[in-house]
C-alpha atoms as a PDB file:
ATOM      1  CA  UNK A   1       0.000   0.000   0.000  1.00  0.00           C
ATOM      2  CA  UNK A   2       2.946   2.308   0.643  1.00  0.00           C
ATOM      3  CA  UNK A   3       3.819   2.281  -3.058  1.00  0.00           C
ATOM      4  CA  UNK A   4       0.384   3.554  -3.981  1.00  0.00           C
ATOM      5  CA  UNK A   5       0.709   6.498  -1.606  1.00  0.00           C
ATOM      6  CA  UNK A   6       3.899   7.879  -3.125  1.00  0.00           C
ATOM      7  CA  UNK A   7       2.675   7.136  -6.664  1.00  0.00           C
ATOM      8  CA  UNK A   8      -0.326   9.384  -6.067  1.00  0.00           C
ATOM      9  CA  UNK A   9       2.077  12.073  -4.792  1.00  0.00           C
ATOM     10  CA  UNK A  10       4.146  11.735  -7.990  1.00  0.00           C
ATOM     11  CA  UNK A  11       1.015  12.029 -10.134  1.00  0.00           C
ATOM     12  CA  UNK A  12       0.123  15.331  -8.457  1.00  0.00           C
ATOM     13  CA  UNK A  13       3.303  16.894  -9.881  1.00  0.00           C
ATOM     14  CA  UNK A  14       2.437  17.628 -13.518  1.00  0.00           C
ATOM     15  CA  UNK A  15       5.984  18.716 -14.475  1.00  0.00           C
ATOM     16  CA  UNK A  16       7.819  15.565 -13.378  1.00  0.00           C
ATOM     17  CA  UNK A  17       9.733  13.594 -16.007  1.00  0.00           C
ATOM     18  CA  UNK A  18      10.553   9.893 -16.201  1.00  0.00           C
ATOM     19  CA  UNK A  19      14.065  10.343 -14.822  1.00  0.00           C
ATOM     20  CA  UNK A  20      12.664  12.064 -11.734  1.00  0.00           C
ATOM     21  CA  UNK A  21      10.039   9.340 -11.327  1.00  0.00           C
ATOM     22  CA  UNK A  22      12.727   6.636 -11.425  1.00  0.00           C
ATOM     23  CA  UNK A  23      14.785   8.574  -8.870  1.00  0.00           C
ATOM     24  CA  UNK A  24      11.792   8.643  -6.514  1.00  0.00           C
ATOM     25  CA  UNK A  25      11.520   4.856  -6.817  1.00  0.00           C
ATOM     26  CA  UNK A  26      15.235   4.544  -6.035  1.00  0.00           C
ATOM     27  CA  UNK A  27      14.849   6.797  -2.977  1.00  0.00           C
ATOM     28  CA  UNK A  28      11.929   4.648  -1.784  1.00  0.00           C
ATOM     29  CA  UNK A  29      14.118   1.537  -2.252  1.00  0.00           C
ATOM     30  CA  UNK A  30      11.725  -0.113  -4.703  1.00  0.00           C
ATOM     31  CA  UNK A  31      13.336  -2.973  -6.623  1.00  0.00           C
ATOM     32  CA  UNK A  32      14.075  -2.465 -10.306  1.00  0.00           C
ATOM     33  CA  UNK A  33      11.446  -4.955 -11.522  1.00  0.00           C
ATOM     34  CA  UNK A  34       8.778  -3.586  -9.177  1.00  0.00           C
ATOM     35  CA  UNK A  35       9.578  -0.063 -10.335  1.00  0.00           C
ATOM     36  CA  UNK A  36       9.215  -1.138 -13.968  1.00  0.00           C
ATOM     37  CA  UNK A  37       5.783  -2.659 -13.371  1.00  0.00           C
ATOM     38  CA  UNK A  38       4.529   0.247 -11.267  1.00  0.00           C
ATOM     39  CA  UNK A  39       5.736   2.888 -13.723  1.00  0.00           C
ATOM     40  CA  UNK A  40       4.335   0.957 -16.690  1.00  0.00           C
ATOM     41  CA  UNK A  41       0.940   0.552 -15.001  1.00  0.00           C
ATOM     42  CA  UNK A  42       0.622   4.044 -13.509  1.00  0.00           C
ATOM     43  CA  UNK A  43       2.308   6.420 -15.959  1.00  0.00           C
ATOM     44  CA  UNK A  44       2.094   6.972 -19.699  1.00  0.00           C
ATOM     45  CA  UNK A  45       5.561   5.888 -20.862  1.00  0.00           C
ATOM     46  CA  UNK A  46       6.656   3.252 -23.369  1.00  0.00           C
ATOM     47  CA  UNK A  47       8.256   0.093 -21.982  1.00  0.00           C
ATOM     48  CA  UNK A  48      11.538   0.677 -23.804  1.00  0.00           C
ATOM     49  CA  UNK A  49      11.810   4.197 -22.415  1.00  0.00           C
ATOM     50  CA  UNK A  50      11.141   2.924 -18.872  1.00  0.00           C
ATOM     51  CA  UNK A  51      13.740   0.156 -19.252  1.00  0.00           C
ATOM     52  CA  UNK A  52      16.303   2.675 -20.519  1.00  0.00           C
ATOM     53  CA  UNK A  53      16.008   4.888 -17.436  1.00  0.00           C
ATOM     54  CA  UNK A  54      15.846   1.949 -15.040  1.00  0.00           C
ATOM     55  CA  UNK A  55      19.031   0.480 -16.509  1.00  0.00           C
ATOM     56  CA  UNK A  56      20.725   3.855 -16.475  1.00  0.00           C
ATOM     57  CA  UNK A  57      19.837   4.795 -12.903  1.00  0.00           C
ATOM     58  CA  UNK A  58      19.652   1.429 -11.073  1.00  0.00           C
ATOM     59  CA  UNK A  59      23.383   0.753 -11.186  1.00  0.00           C
ATOM     60  CA  UNK A  60      23.622  -1.587  -8.214  1.00  0.00           C
ATOM     61  CA  UNK A  61      21.204  -4.258  -9.414  1.00  0.00           C
ATOM     62  CA  UNK A  62      21.724  -7.146 -11.815  1.00  0.00           C
ATOM     63  CA  UNK A  63      22.359  -6.402 -15.499  1.00  0.00           C
ATOM     64  CA  UNK A  64      19.626  -6.170 -18.084  1.00  0.00           C
ATOM     65  CA  UNK A  65      18.126  -9.664 -18.642  1.00  0.00           C
ATOM     66  CA  UNK A  66      17.150  -8.819 -22.218  1.00  0.00           C
ATOM     67  CA  UNK A  67      19.584  -9.568 -25.017  1.00  0.00           C
ATOM     68  CA  UNK A  68      20.475  -7.081 -27.764  1.00  0.00           C
ATOM     69  CA  UNK A  69      18.288  -8.784 -30.381  1.00  0.00           C
ATOM     70  CA  UNK A  70      15.239  -8.357 -28.159  1.00  0.00           C
ATOM     71  CA  UNK A  71      16.069  -4.709 -27.494  1.00  0.00           C
ATOM     72  CA  UNK A  72      16.564  -4.017 -31.216  1.00  0.00           C
ATOM     73  CA  UNK A  73      13.218  -5.620 -31.965  1.00  0.00           C
ATOM     74  CA  UNK A  74      11.534  -3.260 -29.503  1.00  0.00           C
ATOM     75  CA  UNK A  75      13.205  -0.248 -31.112  1.00  0.00           C
ATOM     76  CA  UNK A  76      11.736  -1.188 -34.505  1.00  0.00           C
ATOM     77  CA  UNK A  77       8.149  -1.138 -33.176  1.00  0.00           C
END
């Protein structure tokens, strides 16, 4: 339930960008996968864009599980 409370706070800020949203998730110590699902379900961003910022900003977690072929396929869509 705690996640839903800070998500509603994020949604109140109309000028927040995806990088700032990801940083809030990092501050709240939300795991990378959980952050992906919550951002995808609650904000209007494409999956590839979300994955890009998560991989860029979550430096201490495991590497990207998706191979380059999969990522290139997403870029073509």
